[in-house]
PDB file of N, CA and C in Angstrom:
ATOM      1  N   MET A   1       1.308  -1.941   0.244  1.00  0.00           N
ATOM      2  CA  MET A   1       0.387  -0.260   0.071  1.00  0.00           C
ATOM      3  C   MET A   1       1.351   1.611  -0.429  1.00  0.00           C
ATOM      4  N   SER A   2       0.647   2.145  -0.820  1.00  0.00           N
ATOM      5  CA  SER A   2       0.866   3.322  -0.686  1.00  0.00           C
ATOM      6  C   SER A   2       0.989   4.056   0.578  1.00  0.00           C
ATOM      7  N   ASN A   3       1.937   4.476   0.380  1.00  0.00           N
ATOM      8  CA  ASN A   3       1.840   6.347   2.151  1.00  0.00           C
ATOM      9  C   ASN A   3       1.967   7.836   1.722  1.00  0.00           C
ATOM     10  N   VAL A   4       1.572   7.050   0.212  1.00  0.00           N
ATOM     11  CA  VAL A   4       1.603   9.074  -0.283  1.00  0.00           C
ATOM     12  C   VAL A   4       0.254   9.254  -0.367  1.00  0.00           C
ATOM     13  N   VAL A   5      -0.120  10.838   0.579  1.00  0.00           N
ATOM     14  CA  VAL A   5      -1.480  11.593   1.035  1.00  0.00           C
ATOM     15  C   VAL A   5      -1.172  12.125  -0.011  1.00  0.00           C
ATOM     16  N   ASN A   6      -2.453  12.253  -0.735  1.00  0.00           N
ATOM     17  CA  ASN A   6      -2.520  13.543  -2.081  1.00  0.00           C
ATOM     18  C   ASN A   6      -3.712  14.354  -0.976  1.00  0.00           C
ATOM     19  N   LEU A   7      -2.920  15.709  -0.727  1.00  0.00           N
ATOM     20  CA  LEU A   7      -2.850  16.373   0.122  1.00  0.00           C
ATOM     21  C   LEU A   7      -4.376  17.496  -0.567  1.00  0.00           C
ATOM     22  N   GLU A   8      -4.199  17.833  -1.682  1.00  0.00           N
ATOM     23  CA  GLU A   8      -5.361  18.219  -2.914  1.00  0.00           C
ATOM     24  C   GLU A   8      -6.541  18.037  -2.656  1.00  0.00           C
ATOM     25  N   GLY A   9      -6.716  16.005  -2.439  1.00  0.00           N
ATOM     26  CA  GLY A   9      -7.874  15.689  -1.843  1.00  0.00           C
ATOM     27  C   GLY A   9      -8.660  15.561  -0.489  1.00  0.00           C
ATOM     28  N   GLU A  10      -7.360  16.158   0.173  1.00  0.00           N
ATOM     29  CA  GLU A  10      -7.508  15.846   1.547  1.00  0.00           C
ATOM     30  C   GLU A  10      -8.102  17.283   2.287  1.00  0.00           C
ATOM     31  N   ILE A  11      -7.669  18.776   1.327  1.00  0.00           N
ATOM     32  CA  ILE A  11      -8.096  19.970   2.204  1.00  0.00           C
ATOM     33  C   ILE A  11      -9.724  20.172   0.814  1.00  0.00           C
ATOM     34  N   MET A  12      -9.737  19.312   0.207  1.00  0.00           N
ATOM     35  CA  MET A  12     -11.103  19.716  -1.104  1.00  0.00           C
ATOM     36  C   MET A  12     -12.183  18.873  -0.005  1.00  0.00           C
ATOM     37  N   ASN A  13     -11.707  17.673   0.737  1.00  0.00           N
ATOM     38  CA  ASN A  13     -12.839  16.656   1.455  1.00  0.00           C
ATOM     39  C   ASN A  13     -13.235  18.186   3.110  1.00  0.00           C
ATOM     40  N   LEU A  14     -12.036  18.254   3.387  1.00  0.00           N
ATOM     41  CA  LEU A  14     -12.265  19.581   4.482  1.00  0.00           C
ATOM     42  C   LEU A  14     -13.465  21.054   4.261  1.00  0.00           C
ATOM     43  N   LEU A  15     -13.384  21.449   2.886  1.00  0.00           N
ATOM     44  CA  LEU A  15     -13.522  22.253   2.893  1.00  0.00           C
ATOM     45  C   LEU A  15     -15.424  22.109   1.954  1.00  0.00           C
ATOM     46  N   ARG A  16     -15.076  20.639   1.414  1.00  0.00           N
ATOM     47  CA  ARG A  16     -16.415  19.812   1.193  1.00  0.00           C
ATOM     48  C   ARG A  16     -17.385  19.670   2.924  1.00  0.00           C
ATOM     49  N   VAL A  17     -16.141  19.924   3.536  1.00  0.00           N
ATOM     50  CA  VAL A  17     -17.758  19.349   4.904  1.00  0.00           C
ATOM     51  C   VAL A  17     -17.268  20.637   6.131  1.00  0.00           C
ATOM     52  N   HIS A  18     -16.593  21.282   6.104  1.00  0.00           N
ATOM     53  CA  HIS A  18     -16.063  22.752   7.015  1.00  0.00           C
ATOM     54  C   HIS A  18     -16.421  23.746   6.354  1.00  0.00           C
ATOM     55  N   GLY A  19     -17.090  24.143   4.918  1.00  0.00           N
ATOM     56  CA  GLY A  19     -17.263  25.373   4.068  1.00  0.00           C
ATOM     57  C   GLY A  19     -16.361  26.341   3.829  1.00  0.00           C
ATOM     58  N   SER A  20     -16.227  27.201   4.735  1.00  0.00           N
ATOM     59  CA  SER A  20     -14.455  27.727   4.561  1.00  0.00           C
ATOM     60  C   SER A  20     -13.765  27.839   5.253  1.00  0.00           C
ATOM     61  N   LEU A  21     -12.004  28.058   5.814  1.00  0.00           N
ATOM     62  CA  LEU A  21     -11.851  27.754   5.790  1.00  0.00           C
ATOM     63  C   LEU A  21     -10.081  28.639   5.832  1.00  0.00           C
ATOM     64  N   SER A  22      -9.850  29.455   7.516  1.00  0.00           N
ATOM     65  CA  SER A  22      -7.717  29.506   6.826  1.00  0.00           C
ATOM     66  C   SER A  22      -7.195  28.388   6.564  1.00  0.00           C
ATOM     67  N   VAL A  23      -5.870  28.752   6.724  1.00  0.00           N
ATOM     68  CA  VAL A  23      -4.969  28.170   6.478  1.00  0.00           C
ATOM     69  C   VAL A  23      -4.003  27.524   8.269  1.00  0.00           C
ATOM     70  N   ALA A  24      -4.629  28.031   8.543  1.00  0.00           N
ATOM     71  CA  ALA A  24      -4.441  27.564   9.885  1.00  0.00           C
ATOM     72  C   ALA A  24      -5.352  26.502  10.694  1.00  0.00           C
ATOM     73  N   PHE A  25      -6.667  26.592  10.637  1.00  0.00           N
ATOM     74  CA  PHE A  25      -7.213  25.255  10.292  1.00  0.00           C
ATOM     75  C   PHE A  25      -7.635  24.135   9.008  1.00  0.00           C
ATOM     76  N   LEU A  26      -6.704  24.742   8.816  1.00  0.00           N
ATOM     77  CA  LEU A  26      -6.827  23.572   7.141  1.00  0.00           C
ATOM     78  C   LEU A  26      -5.454  22.574   8.250  1.00  0.00           C
ATOM     79  N   THR A  27      -4.731  23.441   8.556  1.00  0.00           N
ATOM     80  CA  THR A  27      -3.125  22.592   9.050  1.00  0.00           C
ATOM     81  C   THR A  27      -3.759  21.926  10.327  1.00  0.00           C
ATOM     82  N   ARG A  28      -4.523  22.568  11.197  1.00  0.00           N
ATOM     83  CA  ARG A  28      -4.630  21.530  12.521  1.00  0.00           C
ATOM     84  C   ARG A  28      -5.641  20.335  12.096  1.00  0.00           C
ATOM     85  N   PHE A  29      -6.790  20.606  11.212  1.00  0.00           N
ATOM     86  CA  PHE A  29      -7.495  19.435  11.295  1.00  0.00           C
ATOM     87  C   PHE A  29      -6.871  18.217  10.345  1.00  0.00           C
ATOM     88  N   LEU A  30      -5.632  19.277   9.130  1.00  0.00           N
ATOM     89  CA  LEU A  30      -4.732  17.569   9.068  1.00  0.00           C
ATOM     90  C   LEU A  30      -4.536  17.001   9.345  1.00  0.00           C
ATOM     91  N   ASN A  31      -3.402  17.462  10.657  1.00  0.00           N
ATOM     92  CA  ASN A  31      -2.471  17.373  11.885  1.00  0.00           C
ATOM     93  C   ASN A  31      -3.289  16.743  11.894  1.00  0.00           C
ATOM     94  N   GLU A  32      -4.554  16.439  13.044  1.00  0.00           N
ATOM     95  CA  GLU A  32      -5.388  15.869  13.747  1.00  0.00           C
ATOM     96  C   GLU A  32      -5.549  14.404  12.641  1.00  0.00           C
ATOM     97  N   ARG A  33      -6.111  14.752  11.814  1.00  0.00           N
ATOM     98  CA  ARG A  33      -6.572  13.119  10.869  1.00  0.00           C
ATOM     99  C   ARG A  33      -4.966  11.901  10.877  1.00  0.00           C
ATOM    100  N   GLY A  34      -3.993  13.041  10.846  1.00  0.00           N
ATOM    101  CA  GLY A  34      -2.203  12.026  10.685  1.00  0.00           C
ATOM    102  C   GLY A  34      -2.222  12.156   9.620  1.00  0.00           C
ATOM    103  N   ILE A  35      -1.686  13.619   9.276  1.00  0.00           N
ATOM    104  CA  ILE A  35      -1.208  13.744   7.952  1.00  0.00           C
ATOM    105  C   ILE A  35      -0.522  15.446   8.344  1.00  0.00           C
ATOM    106  N   PHE A  36       0.280  15.041   8.422  1.00  0.00           N
ATOM    107  CA  PHE A  36       1.985  16.018   9.079  1.00  0.00           C
ATOM    108  C   PHE A  36       2.490  17.148   8.276  1.00  0.00           C
ATOM    109  N   CYS A  37       1.522  17.134   7.594  1.00  0.00           N
ATOM    110  CA  CYS A  37       2.590  18.731   7.081  1.00  0.00           C
ATOM    111  C   CYS A  37       2.577  19.651   7.501  1.00  0.00           C
ATOM    112  N   THR A  38       2.959  21.104   7.275  1.00  0.00           N
ATOM    113  CA  THR A  38       3.378  22.217   7.678  1.00  0.00           C
ATOM    114  C   THR A  38       2.547  23.485   6.723  1.00  0.00           C
ATOM    115  N   ARG A  39       2.578  24.606   7.557  1.00  0.00           N
ATOM    116  CA  ARG A  39       2.128  25.931   6.998  1.00  0.00           C
ATOM    117  C   ARG A  39       1.972  25.826   5.399  1.00  0.00           C
ATOM    118  N   GLN A  40       3.627  26.310   5.623  1.00  0.00           N
ATOM    119  CA  GLN A  40       4.360  26.761   4.235  1.00  0.00           C
ATOM    120  C   GLN A  40       3.100  25.192   2.892  1.00  0.00           C
ATOM    121  N   LYS A  41       3.208  24.026   3.081  1.00  0.00           N
ATOM    122  CA  LYS A  41       2.382  22.834   1.878  1.00  0.00           C
ATOM    123  C   LYS A  41       1.605  23.133   2.049  1.00  0.00           C
ATOM    124  N   VAL A  42       0.553  23.342   3.252  1.00  0.00           N
ATOM    125  CA  VAL A  42      -0.894  23.460   3.024  1.00  0.00           C
ATOM    126  C   VAL A  42      -1.102  25.463   1.694  1.00  0.00           C
ATOM    127  N   GLU A  43      -0.300  25.931   2.019  1.00  0.00           N
ATOM    128  CA  GLU A  43      -0.172  27.620   1.818  1.00  0.00           C
ATOM    129  C   GLU A  43      -0.150  27.070   0.321  1.00  0.00           C
ATOM    130  N   ARG A  44       1.172  26.471   0.107  1.00  0.00           N
ATOM    131  CA  ARG A  44       1.702  26.165  -1.635  1.00  0.00           C
ATOM    132  C   ARG A  44       0.669  25.938  -2.117  1.00  0.00           C
ATOM    133  N   THR A  45      -0.226  24.661  -2.046  1.00  0.00           N
ATOM    134  CA  THR A  45      -0.972  23.342  -2.343  1.00  0.00           C
ATOM    135  C   THR A  45      -2.563  23.555  -2.429  1.00  0.00           C
ATOM    136  N   LEU A  46      -2.108  25.306  -2.292  1.00  0.00           N
ATOM    137  CA  LEU A  46      -3.619  26.098  -2.088  1.00  0.00           C
ATOM    138  C   LEU A  46      -3.680  27.695  -2.923  1.00  0.00           C
ATOM    139  N   ARG A  47      -2.566  27.566  -3.163  1.00  0.00           N
ATOM    140  CA  ARG A  47      -2.525  28.367  -4.798  1.00  0.00           C
ATOM    141  C   ARG A  47      -2.309  27.808  -5.678  1.00  0.00           C
ATOM    142  N   LYS A  48      -1.999  26.229  -5.491  1.00  0.00           N
ATOM    143  CA  LYS A  48      -1.913  26.083  -7.445  1.00  0.00           C
ATOM    144  C   LYS A  48      -3.580  25.320  -7.744  1.00  0.00           C
ATOM    145  N   LEU A  49      -4.094  24.860  -6.580  1.00  0.00           N
ATOM    146  CA  LEU A  49      -5.770  25.357  -6.349  1.00  0.00           C
ATOM    147  C   LEU A  49      -6.587  26.151  -7.255  1.00  0.00           C
ATOM    148  N   VAL A  50      -6.315  27.345  -5.957  1.00  0.00           N
ATOM    149  CA  VAL A  50      -6.206  28.490  -6.031  1.00  0.00           C
ATOM    150  C   VAL A  50      -6.691  29.269  -7.503  1.00  0.00           C
ATOM    151  N   GLU A  51      -5.368  28.811  -8.400  1.00  0.00           N
ATOM    152  CA  GLU A  51      -4.691  29.169  -9.822  1.00  0.00           C
ATOM    153  C   GLU A  51      -5.356  27.590 -10.804  1.00  0.00           C
ATOM    154  N   GLN A  52      -6.082  26.668 -10.757  1.00  0.00           N
ATOM    155  CA  GLN A  52      -6.944  25.777 -11.310  1.00  0.00           C
ATOM    156  C   GLN A  52      -7.833  25.144 -11.409  1.00  0.00           C
ATOM    157  N   LYS A  53      -8.472  27.103 -10.148  1.00  0.00           N
ATOM    158  CA  LYS A  53     -10.149  27.629 -10.268  1.00  0.00           C
ATOM    159  C   LYS A  53     -10.886  25.786  -9.985  1.00  0.00           C
ATOM    160  N   LYS A  54     -10.835  25.429  -8.252  1.00  0.00           N
ATOM    161  CA  LYS A  54     -11.227  24.876  -7.875  1.00  0.00           C
ATOM    162  C   LYS A  54     -11.471  25.084  -6.218  1.00  0.00           C
ATOM    163  N   VAL A  55     -11.406  26.167  -5.799  1.00  0.00           N
ATOM    164  CA  VAL A  55     -11.136  26.878  -4.254  1.00  0.00           C
ATOM    165  C   VAL A  55     -11.143  28.796  -5.059  1.00  0.00           C
ATOM    166  N   GLU A  56     -11.006  29.044  -4.178  1.00  0.00           N
ATOM    167  CA  GLU A  56     -11.736  30.279  -3.759  1.00  0.00           C
ATOM    168  C   GLU A  56     -11.340  31.205  -2.862  1.00  0.00           C
ATOM    169  N   ALA A  57      -9.976  32.748  -3.070  1.00  0.00           N
ATOM    170  CA  ALA A  57      -9.458  32.996  -1.893  1.00  0.00           C
ATOM    171  C   ALA A  57     -10.890  34.213  -1.552  1.00  0.00           C
ATOM    172  N   PHE A  58     -10.680  34.887   0.305  1.00  0.00           N
ATOM    173  CA  PHE A  58     -11.636  35.592  -0.100  1.00  0.00           C
ATOM    174  C   PHE A  58     -10.819  35.942   1.384  1.00  0.00           C
ATOM    175  N   TYR A  59     -11.328  37.248   1.699  1.00  0.00           N
ATOM    176  CA  TYR A  59     -11.221  37.655   3.185  1.00  0.00           C
ATOM    177  C   TYR A  59     -12.879  37.937   3.953  1.00  0.00           C
ATOM    178  N   THR A  60     -12.331  38.371   4.901  1.00  0.00           N
ATOM    179  CA  THR A  60     -13.928  38.131   5.748  1.00  0.00           C
ATOM    180  C   THR A  60     -13.836  39.415   7.162  1.00  0.00           C
ATOM    181  N   ASN A  61     -14.686  39.475   7.153  1.00  0.00           N
ATOM    182  CA  ASN A  61     -15.121  40.603   8.559  1.00  0.00           C
ATOM    183  C   ASN A  61     -13.685  41.632   8.840  1.00  0.00           C
ATOM    184  N   GLY A  62     -12.962  41.707   8.057  1.00  0.00           N
ATOM    185  CA  GLY A  62     -11.693  42.800   7.648  1.00  0.00           C
ATOM    186  C   GLY A  62     -11.051  42.212   8.311  1.00  0.00           C
ATOM    187  N   ASN A  63     -10.536  40.827   8.934  1.00  0.00           N
ATOM    188  CA  ASN A  63      -9.382  40.824   9.780  1.00  0.00           C
ATOM    189  C   ASN A  63      -8.882  40.801   8.831  1.00  0.00           C
ATOM    190  N   LYS A  64      -7.127  39.802   8.796  1.00  0.00           N
ATOM    191  CA  LYS A  64      -6.222  40.039   7.135  1.00  0.00           C
ATOM    192  C   LYS A  64      -6.136  38.650   7.292  1.00  0.00           C
ATOM    193  N   ARG A  65      -7.496  38.116   6.988  1.00  0.00           N
ATOM    194  CA  ARG A  65      -6.779  36.541   7.233  1.00  0.00           C
ATOM    195  C   ARG A  65      -6.878  36.334   5.212  1.00  0.00           C
ATOM    196  N   LYS A  66      -6.012  35.657   4.487  1.00  0.00           N
ATOM    197  CA  LYS A  66      -7.116  34.561   3.903  1.00  0.00           C
ATOM    198  C   LYS A  66      -8.610  33.329   3.922  1.00  0.00           C
ATOM    199  N   HIS A  67      -9.243  33.211   3.914  1.00  0.00           N
ATOM    200  CA  HIS A  67     -10.309  31.996   3.567  1.00  0.00           C
ATOM    201  C   HIS A  67     -10.653  31.431   3.251  1.00  0.00           C
ATOM    202  N   TYR A  68     -10.260  30.372   2.118  1.00  0.00           N
ATOM    203  CA  TYR A  68     -10.455  29.776   1.032  1.00  0.00           C
ATOM    204  C   TYR A  68     -11.812  28.257   1.313  1.00  0.00           C
ATOM    205  N   ARG A  69     -12.590  28.551   0.203  1.00  0.00           N
ATOM    206  CA  ARG A  69     -13.724  27.462  -0.283  1.00  0.00           C
ATOM    207  C   ARG A  69     -14.518  26.808  -1.529  1.00  0.00           C
ATOM    208  N   LEU A  70     -14.629  26.208  -1.595  1.00  0.00           N
ATOM    209  CA  LEU A  70     -14.460  25.996  -2.595  1.00  0.00           C
ATOM    210  C   LEU A  70     -15.530  26.423  -4.353  1.00  0.00           C
ATOM    211  N   ARG A  71     -14.674  26.268  -5.385  1.00  0.00           N
ATOM    212  CA  ARG A  71     -16.412  26.875  -5.858  1.00  0.00           C
ATOM    213  C   ARG A  71     -17.316  26.590  -6.767  1.00  0.00           C
TER     214      ARG A  71
END
């Protein structure tokens, strides 16, 4: 069995279940699922998903944190 984790798929599943999330929450939920990754790796993957137009980034309530949701 392969130990390679599809990080994009896991992020898409989390966004499908929880709605919109910030990078911090995505990293936390991934680590709780046993997928140990850093914030930078999650941000890099999210940038790629935004370029592919699978996910959109937006700001909420004036705080300067990006949130991500499925398109």
